[in-house]
Amino acid sequence: MPLYPYRCTKCGYQFEKIQHFNSELEKKCPQCGGALERVLTVPGLQFKGSGWYVTDYAHHSSAPAGESTMPPESKPAAKPAAKPATPCGGNCGAACPAAAANTTH
């Protein structure tokens, strides 16, 4: 059952009462007998269990702002360093005299 907050318009007394949805509203202040109004409040919600963004998808990280918070297994692999271009296209192997002298053959 919901908890409804009330406030007296005469003396300012505030209290809460657990009531059924279809119960009649309180009208009289228990302190001074003045008129009551029901105060609007923000509902208290807490998402528990699996299936919510907070529990399943949000990664709690201490990474500074701007850095990726992706888990290591889902980060793209680093590209290997590019080999220097040889005039022959690299077909000679490691002992390419043109690559060592940086000339064409």
N, C-alpha and C. Protein backbone atom coordinates (compact mmCIF):
# COMPACT_ATOMS: atom_id res chain seq x y z
N MET A 1 0.84 -1.18 0.00
CA MET A 1 0.00 0.00 0.00
C MET A 1 0.89 1.25 0.00
N PRO A 2 0.43 2.29 -0.66
CA PRO A 2 1.22 3.51 -0.75
C PRO A 2 1.22 4.32 0.55
N LEU A 3 2.27 5.09 0.70
CA LEU A 3 2.44 5.99 1.83
C LEU A 3 2.19 7.41 1.33
N TYR A 4 1.17 8.07 1.87
CA TYR A 4 0.80 9.41 1.43
C TYR A 4 1.21 10.46 2.46
N PRO A 5 1.91 11.50 2.03
CA PRO A 5 2.25 12.58 2.96
C PRO A 5 1.16 13.65 2.97
N TYR A 6 0.87 14.18 4.15
CA TYR A 6 -0.12 15.24 4.33
C TYR A 6 0.52 16.42 5.03
N ARG A 7 -0.06 17.62 4.80
CA ARG A 7 0.38 18.84 5.48
C ARG A 7 -0.86 19.66 5.80
N CYS A 8 -0.85 20.22 7.02
CA CYS A 8 -1.96 21.06 7.46
C CYS A 8 -1.76 22.47 6.89
N THR A 9 -2.83 23.02 6.31
CA THR A 9 -2.75 24.37 5.74
C THR A 9 -2.82 25.45 6.82
N LYS A 10 -3.22 25.07 8.02
CA LYS A 10 -3.36 26.04 9.11
C LYS A 10 -2.10 26.10 9.99
N CYS A 11 -1.67 24.96 10.51
CA CYS A 11 -0.54 24.97 11.46
C CYS A 11 0.76 24.45 10.84
N GLY A 12 0.72 23.83 9.63
CA GLY A 12 1.93 23.33 8.97
C GLY A 12 2.37 21.95 9.42
N TYR A 13 1.58 21.31 10.29
CA TYR A 13 1.92 19.96 10.76
C TYR A 13 1.97 19.00 9.57
N GLN A 14 3.01 18.17 9.53
CA GLN A 14 3.17 17.20 8.44
C GLN A 14 3.21 15.79 9.01
N PHE A 15 2.58 14.88 8.29
CA PHE A 15 2.62 13.46 8.67
C PHE A 15 2.38 12.61 7.43
N GLU A 16 2.62 11.32 7.58
CA GLU A 16 2.42 10.36 6.49
C GLU A 16 1.45 9.29 6.94
N LYS A 17 0.68 8.78 6.00
CA LYS A 17 -0.28 7.75 6.33
C LYS A 17 -0.32 6.70 5.23
N ILE A 18 -0.29 5.45 5.62
CA ILE A 18 -0.41 4.35 4.66
C ILE A 18 -1.90 4.15 4.39
N GLN A 19 -2.26 4.26 3.10
CA GLN A 19 -3.66 4.14 2.72
C GLN A 19 -3.79 3.31 1.45
N HIS A 20 -4.95 2.74 1.29
CA HIS A 20 -5.30 2.05 0.06
C HIS A 20 -5.48 3.07 -1.05
N PHE A 21 -5.32 2.65 -2.30
CA PHE A 21 -5.51 3.57 -3.43
C PHE A 21 -6.90 4.20 -3.43
N ASN A 22 -7.89 3.41 -3.09
CA ASN A 22 -9.26 3.91 -3.16
C ASN A 22 -9.80 4.37 -1.80
N SER A 23 -8.93 4.53 -0.81
CA SER A 23 -9.36 5.06 0.49
C SER A 23 -9.65 6.55 0.38
N GLU A 24 -10.55 7.04 1.22
CA GLU A 24 -10.86 8.47 1.23
C GLU A 24 -9.69 9.24 1.84
N LEU A 25 -9.42 10.43 1.29
CA LEU A 25 -8.31 11.25 1.76
C LEU A 25 -8.59 11.80 3.15
N GLU A 26 -7.54 12.02 3.92
CA GLU A 26 -7.68 12.68 5.22
C GLU A 26 -8.05 14.14 4.97
N LYS A 27 -8.93 14.69 5.81
CA LYS A 27 -9.39 16.07 5.60
C LYS A 27 -9.10 16.98 6.78
N LYS A 28 -8.94 16.39 7.98
CA LYS A 28 -8.81 17.17 9.19
C LYS A 28 -7.45 16.92 9.85
N CYS A 29 -6.77 17.99 10.24
CA CYS A 29 -5.47 17.88 10.90
C CYS A 29 -5.65 17.27 12.30
N PRO A 30 -4.84 16.25 12.64
CA PRO A 30 -4.96 15.65 13.97
C PRO A 30 -4.46 16.58 15.08
N GLN A 31 -3.71 17.62 14.77
CA GLN A 31 -3.19 18.55 15.77
C GLN A 31 -4.16 19.69 16.08
N CYS A 32 -4.58 20.41 15.01
CA CYS A 32 -5.38 21.62 15.23
C CYS A 32 -6.78 21.55 14.60
N GLY A 33 -7.05 20.55 13.81
CA GLY A 33 -8.35 20.42 13.18
C GLY A 33 -8.47 21.20 11.88
N GLY A 34 -7.36 21.79 11.41
CA GLY A 34 -7.38 22.55 10.17
C GLY A 34 -7.47 21.65 8.94
N ALA A 35 -7.58 22.29 7.80
CA ALA A 35 -7.71 21.54 6.53
C ALA A 35 -6.35 20.95 6.13
N LEU A 36 -6.40 19.74 5.59
CA LEU A 36 -5.17 19.06 5.13
C LEU A 36 -5.07 19.10 3.62
N GLU A 37 -3.85 19.09 3.15
CA GLU A 37 -3.59 18.90 1.72
C GLU A 37 -2.61 17.75 1.58
N ARG A 38 -2.78 17.01 0.52
CA ARG A 38 -1.84 15.91 0.26
C ARG A 38 -0.67 16.46 -0.54
N VAL A 39 0.52 16.24 -0.06
CA VAL A 39 1.73 16.78 -0.66
C VAL A 39 2.20 15.84 -1.77
N LEU A 40 2.58 16.42 -2.91
CA LEU A 40 3.13 15.61 -3.99
C LEU A 40 4.61 15.39 -3.75
N THR A 41 5.04 14.16 -3.90
CA THR A 41 6.45 13.81 -3.69
C THR A 41 6.93 12.98 -4.86
N VAL A 42 8.24 12.84 -4.95
CA VAL A 42 8.85 12.00 -5.98
C VAL A 42 8.77 10.55 -5.50
N PRO A 43 8.32 9.65 -6.34
CA PRO A 43 8.25 8.25 -5.92
C PRO A 43 9.65 7.68 -5.73
N GLY A 44 9.81 6.86 -4.75
CA GLY A 44 11.09 6.21 -4.50
C GLY A 44 11.18 4.91 -5.28
N LEU A 45 12.03 4.87 -6.29
CA LEU A 45 12.19 3.67 -7.11
C LEU A 45 13.61 3.15 -6.99
N GLN A 46 13.73 1.86 -6.93
CA GLN A 46 15.05 1.24 -6.92
C GLN A 46 14.97 0.02 -7.82
N PHE A 47 15.80 0.00 -8.87
CA PHE A 47 15.79 -1.11 -9.81
C PHE A 47 16.73 -2.20 -9.30
N LYS A 48 16.17 -3.36 -9.05
CA LYS A 48 16.96 -4.48 -8.54
C LYS A 48 16.87 -5.64 -9.51
N GLY A 49 17.86 -6.50 -9.46
CA GLY A 49 17.87 -7.69 -10.29
C GLY A 49 18.54 -7.45 -11.62
N SER A 50 18.57 -8.48 -12.43
CA SER A 50 19.24 -8.36 -13.72
C SER A 50 18.29 -7.78 -14.75
N GLY A 51 18.87 -7.30 -15.85
CA GLY A 51 18.06 -6.76 -16.92
C GLY A 51 18.01 -5.25 -16.95
N TRP A 52 18.60 -4.58 -15.99
CA TRP A 52 18.63 -3.12 -15.95
C TRP A 52 20.00 -2.64 -16.39
N TYR A 53 20.05 -1.46 -16.97
CA TYR A 53 21.31 -0.88 -17.43
C TYR A 53 22.32 -0.79 -16.28
N VAL A 54 21.87 -0.41 -15.11
CA VAL A 54 22.76 -0.19 -13.98
C VAL A 54 23.46 -1.48 -13.57
N THR A 55 22.74 -2.61 -13.63
CA THR A 55 23.32 -3.86 -13.16
C THR A 55 24.02 -4.65 -14.26
N ASP A 56 23.59 -4.49 -15.51
CA ASP A 56 24.12 -5.35 -16.56
C ASP A 56 25.09 -4.67 -17.52
N TYR A 57 24.90 -3.41 -17.80
CA TYR A 57 25.67 -2.79 -18.87
C TYR A 57 26.61 -1.68 -18.43
N ALA A 58 26.31 -1.03 -17.35
CA ALA A 58 27.17 0.08 -16.90
C ALA A 58 28.43 -0.49 -16.29
N HIS A 59 29.57 -0.04 -16.77
CA HIS A 59 30.85 -0.50 -16.22
C HIS A 59 31.33 0.55 -15.24
N HIS A 60 31.52 0.13 -14.02
CA HIS A 60 32.00 1.06 -13.00
C HIS A 60 33.52 1.07 -13.10
N SER A 61 34.04 2.22 -13.48
CA SER A 61 35.47 2.33 -13.71
C SER A 61 36.00 3.59 -13.06
N SER A 62 37.26 3.56 -12.71
CA SER A 62 37.89 4.75 -12.16
C SER A 62 38.69 5.46 -13.23
N ALA A 63 38.41 5.16 -14.49
CA ALA A 63 39.12 5.79 -15.60
C ALA A 63 38.75 7.27 -15.67
N PRO A 64 39.73 8.13 -15.93
CA PRO A 64 39.42 9.55 -16.07
C PRO A 64 38.46 9.79 -17.23
N ALA A 65 37.76 10.90 -17.18
CA ALA A 65 36.80 11.24 -18.23
C ALA A 65 37.49 11.26 -19.58
N GLY A 66 36.83 10.76 -20.57
CA GLY A 66 37.38 10.75 -21.92
C GLY A 66 38.05 9.43 -22.27
N GLU A 67 38.45 8.64 -21.28
CA GLU A 67 39.06 7.35 -21.58
C GLU A 67 37.97 6.31 -21.70
N SER A 68 38.26 5.29 -22.47
CA SER A 68 37.29 4.24 -22.71
C SER A 68 37.05 3.43 -21.45
N THR A 69 35.79 3.06 -21.22
CA THR A 69 35.46 2.21 -20.09
C THR A 69 35.07 0.81 -20.58
N MET A 70 35.45 0.49 -21.82
CA MET A 70 35.14 -0.83 -22.36
C MET A 70 36.02 -1.87 -21.69
N PRO A 71 35.49 -3.06 -21.44
CA PRO A 71 36.33 -4.11 -20.87
C PRO A 71 37.42 -4.50 -21.87
N PRO A 72 38.57 -4.99 -21.39
CA PRO A 72 39.69 -5.29 -22.27
C PRO A 72 39.35 -6.25 -23.40
N GLU A 73 38.49 -7.23 -23.16
CA GLU A 73 38.18 -8.21 -24.19
C GLU A 73 37.38 -7.63 -25.34
N SER A 74 36.73 -6.48 -25.14
CA SER A 74 35.94 -5.90 -26.23
C SER A 74 36.63 -4.71 -26.88
N LYS A 75 37.82 -4.34 -26.41
CA LYS A 75 38.56 -3.25 -27.05
C LYS A 75 39.18 -3.75 -28.34
N PRO A 76 39.23 -2.90 -29.37
CA PRO A 76 39.87 -3.33 -30.61
C PRO A 76 41.36 -3.58 -30.39
N ALA A 77 41.87 -4.61 -31.07
CA ALA A 77 43.28 -4.95 -30.93
C ALA A 77 44.14 -3.85 -31.53
N ALA A 78 45.30 -3.66 -30.93
CA ALA A 78 46.22 -2.65 -31.43
C ALA A 78 46.77 -3.10 -32.78
N LYS A 79 46.91 -2.15 -33.70
CA LYS A 79 47.43 -2.48 -35.02
C LYS A 79 48.94 -2.69 -34.92
N PRO A 80 49.48 -3.69 -35.62
CA PRO A 80 50.93 -3.87 -35.59
C PRO A 80 51.61 -2.70 -36.30
N ALA A 81 52.84 -2.45 -35.90
CA ALA A 81 53.59 -1.35 -36.50
C ALA A 81 53.79 -1.63 -37.99
N ALA A 82 53.61 -0.58 -38.78
CA ALA A 82 53.76 -0.73 -40.23
C ALA A 82 55.22 -0.96 -40.58
N LYS A 83 55.46 -1.92 -41.47
CA LYS A 83 56.82 -2.19 -41.92
C LYS A 83 57.21 -1.12 -42.93
N PRO A 84 58.48 -0.72 -42.92
CA PRO A 84 58.89 0.29 -43.90
C PRO A 84 58.74 -0.27 -45.31
N ALA A 85 58.26 0.56 -46.17
CA ALA A 85 58.05 0.14 -47.55
C ALA A 85 59.39 -0.05 -48.24
N THR A 86 59.53 -1.17 -48.89
CA THR A 86 60.76 -1.42 -49.66
C THR A 86 60.45 -1.22 -51.13
N PRO A 87 61.42 -0.81 -51.87
CA PRO A 87 61.20 -0.58 -53.29
C PRO A 87 60.72 -1.81 -54.04
N CYS A 88 61.11 -2.98 -53.56
CA CYS A 88 60.73 -4.19 -54.27
C CYS A 88 59.41 -4.75 -53.75
N GLY A 89 58.79 -4.08 -52.80
CA GLY A 89 57.51 -4.55 -52.28
C GLY A 89 57.68 -5.53 -51.14
N GLY A 90 58.91 -5.72 -50.64
CA GLY A 90 59.15 -6.61 -49.52
C GLY A 90 59.28 -8.06 -49.92
N ASN A 91 59.45 -8.34 -51.19
CA ASN A 91 59.54 -9.73 -51.64
C ASN A 91 60.92 -10.32 -51.46
N CYS A 92 61.93 -9.50 -51.18
CA CYS A 92 63.31 -10.00 -51.07
C CYS A 92 63.58 -10.61 -49.70
N GLY A 93 62.82 -10.29 -48.72
CA GLY A 93 63.08 -10.80 -47.38
C GLY A 93 63.88 -9.80 -46.57
N ALA A 94 64.44 -10.28 -45.46
CA ALA A 94 65.15 -9.40 -44.53
C ALA A 94 66.49 -8.94 -45.09
N ALA A 95 67.09 -9.69 -46.02
CA ALA A 95 68.40 -9.35 -46.53
C ALA A 95 68.33 -8.55 -47.81
N CYS A 96 67.31 -7.74 -47.97
CA CYS A 96 67.11 -6.96 -49.18
C CYS A 96 68.15 -5.84 -49.21
N PRO A 97 69.05 -5.83 -50.18
CA PRO A 97 70.06 -4.78 -50.24
C PRO A 97 69.44 -3.42 -50.56
N ALA A 98 68.33 -3.39 -51.28
CA ALA A 98 67.71 -2.13 -51.63
C ALA A 98 67.09 -1.48 -50.39
N ALA A 99 66.52 -2.31 -49.49
CA ALA A 99 65.91 -1.79 -48.29
C ALA A 99 66.97 -1.21 -47.37
N ALA A 100 68.13 -1.88 -47.28
CA ALA A 100 69.22 -1.41 -46.41
C ALA A 100 69.78 -0.12 -46.95
N ALA A 101 69.92 0.03 -48.24
CA ALA A 101 70.50 1.24 -48.82
C ALA A 101 69.43 2.27 -49.15
N ASN A 102 68.15 1.86 -49.00
CA ASN A 102 67.01 2.74 -49.31
C ASN A 102 67.05 3.18 -50.78
N THR A 103 67.38 2.23 -51.62
CA THR A 103 67.40 2.47 -53.07
C THR A 103 66.57 1.44 -53.76
N THR A 104 66.33 1.62 -55.04
CA THR A 104 65.57 0.66 -55.82
C THR A 104 66.52 -0.29 -56.50
N HIS A 105 66.08 -1.49 -56.84
CA HIS A 105 66.91 -2.44 -57.59
C HIS A 105 66.19 -3.05 -58.73
